[in-house]
Amino acid sequence: RSDYDIGLPDGAGDEDMLWVVRNWLPRLIHKYNPELIFYQAGVDALAEDSLGRLAMTREGLQRRNELVLDTCLSAGIPLVVNMGGGYCRPIHASVQCHADVFIAAAERAYFWRNASNVEKSDRRAQLAT
């Protein structure tokens, strides 16, 4: 059971999902002030997924991942990323999208680990706008 659910209609695409993440994630972070966020980075939102009911593209999922990762980084909140869903046939599309999640997370972790405090402060300011 989750603490807060925001439904999307069947067939919702990239812009629908991105609007929800862009508008609700910062609001929920502000409301709950979490010490840790678990990101269930499911890829069953892909249009070609046999069990999912959304119509996202790979590029839309990549943008969703970036929004979640960047929002949490800018708020200074640790993030646990889990894979979830992904039932495309052939499975290759699901696997690519799962890999995209962890590539985006690794790129950000690498930057954060190697950046100076000034660079981190500048990055947080960029992400907050």
Protein backbone atom coordinates (compact mmCIF):
# COMPACT_ATOMS: atom_id res chain seq x y z
CA ARG A 1 0.00 0.00 0.00
CA SER A 2 1.32 3.42 -0.88
CA ASP A 3 0.84 6.65 1.04
CA TYR A 4 -0.43 8.63 -1.92
CA ASP A 5 -1.77 7.47 -5.27
CA ILE A 6 -2.39 9.62 -8.34
CA GLY A 7 -4.30 7.80 -11.03
CA LEU A 8 -3.86 8.18 -14.76
CA PRO A 9 -6.49 7.15 -17.30
CA ASP A 10 -5.90 4.13 -19.51
CA GLY A 11 -3.88 5.13 -22.56
CA ALA A 12 -2.21 8.13 -20.86
CA GLY A 13 1.04 9.02 -22.60
CA ASP A 14 4.30 10.81 -21.97
CA GLU A 15 2.97 14.29 -21.36
CA ASP A 16 0.32 13.06 -18.94
CA MET A 17 2.86 11.20 -16.82
CA LEU A 18 5.44 13.97 -16.98
CA TRP A 19 2.87 16.53 -15.89
CA VAL A 20 1.99 14.41 -12.85
CA VAL A 21 5.63 13.89 -11.85
CA ARG A 22 6.59 17.52 -12.47
CA ASN A 23 3.63 18.91 -10.54
CA TRP A 24 3.06 16.37 -7.79
CA LEU A 25 6.48 15.08 -6.73
CA PRO A 26 7.77 18.44 -5.42
CA ARG A 27 4.41 19.04 -3.71
CA LEU A 28 4.51 15.66 -1.98
CA ILE A 29 8.14 16.12 -0.94
CA HIS A 30 7.19 19.46 0.59
CA LYS A 31 4.15 17.99 2.36
CA TYR A 32 5.78 14.83 3.78
CA ASN A 33 9.44 15.93 4.09
CA PRO A 34 10.70 12.36 3.57
CA GLU A 35 14.09 11.18 4.78
CA LEU A 36 14.22 8.55 2.02
CA ILE A 37 12.28 7.93 -1.19
CA PHE A 38 11.72 4.55 -2.83
CA TYR A 39 11.33 4.92 -6.59
CA GLN A 40 9.56 1.94 -8.13
CA ALA A 41 10.79 2.62 -11.66
CA GLY A 42 8.33 0.41 -13.49
CA VAL A 43 8.48 0.18 -17.24
CA ASP A 44 5.08 -1.41 -17.78
CA ALA A 45 3.90 2.08 -18.74
CA LEU A 46 5.35 1.46 -22.22
CA ALA A 47 2.71 1.49 -24.93
CA GLU A 48 3.84 -1.92 -26.20
CA ASP A 49 3.69 -3.56 -22.75
CA SER A 50 1.27 -6.48 -22.72
CA LEU A 51 0.04 -5.87 -19.15
CA GLY A 52 0.37 -2.12 -18.67
CA ARG A 53 -2.43 0.25 -19.60
CA LEU A 54 -0.45 3.40 -20.36
CA ALA A 55 1.01 4.55 -23.67
CA MET A 56 4.44 5.95 -22.86
CA THR A 57 7.48 5.90 -25.12
CA ARG A 58 11.01 5.00 -24.12
CA GLU A 59 11.92 8.69 -24.34
CA GLY A 60 9.02 9.57 -22.06
CA LEU A 61 10.17 7.03 -19.48
CA GLN A 62 13.69 8.44 -19.68
CA ARG A 63 12.33 11.93 -19.02
CA ARG A 64 10.24 10.58 -16.11
CA ASN A 65 13.35 8.98 -14.62
CA GLU A 66 15.33 12.19 -14.99
CA LEU A 67 12.56 14.22 -13.33
CA VAL A 68 12.36 11.86 -10.35
CA LEU A 69 16.13 11.61 -9.92
CA ASP A 70 16.75 15.32 -10.35
CA THR A 71 13.89 16.33 -8.06
CA CYS A 72 15.19 14.09 -5.28
CA LEU A 73 18.77 15.29 -5.78
CA SER A 74 17.75 18.93 -5.70
CA ALA A 75 15.86 18.28 -2.46
CA GLY A 76 18.85 16.41 -0.99
CA ILE A 77 16.78 13.28 -0.38
CA PRO A 78 18.39 9.83 -0.69
CA LEU A 79 16.71 7.61 -3.23
CA VAL A 80 16.35 3.84 -3.53
CA VAL A 81 15.64 2.75 -7.11
CA ASN A 82 13.86 -0.53 -7.83
CA MET A 83 12.96 -2.15 -11.12
CA GLY A 84 9.36 -3.02 -11.73
CA GLY A 85 7.08 -4.26 -14.44
CA GLY A 86 8.05 -4.66 -18.03
CA TYR A 87 6.22 -7.24 -20.10
CA CYS A 88 6.91 -6.25 -23.69
CA ARG A 89 7.07 -8.89 -26.38
CA PRO A 90 9.76 -9.08 -27.44
CA ILE A 91 11.24 -8.35 -24.01
CA HIS A 92 14.05 -6.22 -25.49
CA ALA A 93 12.07 -2.97 -25.15
CA SER A 94 11.48 -3.60 -21.43
CA VAL A 95 15.13 -4.48 -20.85
CA GLN A 96 16.28 -1.29 -22.58
CA CYS A 97 14.00 0.82 -20.38
CA HIS A 98 15.18 -0.94 -17.21
CA ALA A 99 18.78 -0.24 -18.24
CA ASP A 100 17.89 3.43 -18.89
CA VAL A 101 16.78 3.84 -15.26
CA PHE A 102 20.08 2.68 -13.85
CA ILE A 103 22.20 4.49 -16.42
CA ALA A 104 20.51 7.78 -15.48
CA ALA A 105 20.95 7.03 -11.77
CA ALA A 106 24.62 6.07 -12.25
CA GLU A 107 25.35 9.26 -14.21
CA ARG A 108 23.88 11.36 -11.43
CA ALA A 109 25.64 9.38 -8.69
CA TYR A 110 28.96 9.80 -10.50
CA PHE A 111 28.45 13.55 -10.79
CA TRP A 112 27.39 13.88 -7.16
CA ARG A 113 30.30 11.82 -5.86
CA ASN A 114 32.86 13.78 -7.88
CA ALA A 115 31.44 17.30 -7.76
CA SER A 116 32.66 20.00 -5.41
CA ASN A 117 30.27 21.58 -2.92
CA VAL A 118 30.04 24.65 -5.17
CA GLU A 119 29.14 22.49 -8.20
CA LYS A 120 26.53 20.65 -6.12
CA SER A 121 25.06 23.94 -4.94
CA ASP A 122 24.94 25.24 -8.52
CA ARG A 123 23.31 21.99 -9.70
CA ARG A 124 20.67 22.13 -6.96
CA ALA A 125 19.87 25.72 -7.97
CA GLN A 126 19.52 24.66 -11.63
CA LEU A 127 17.25 21.76 -10.75
CA ALA A 128 15.08 23.89 -8.48
CA THR A 129 14.12 26.27 -11.32
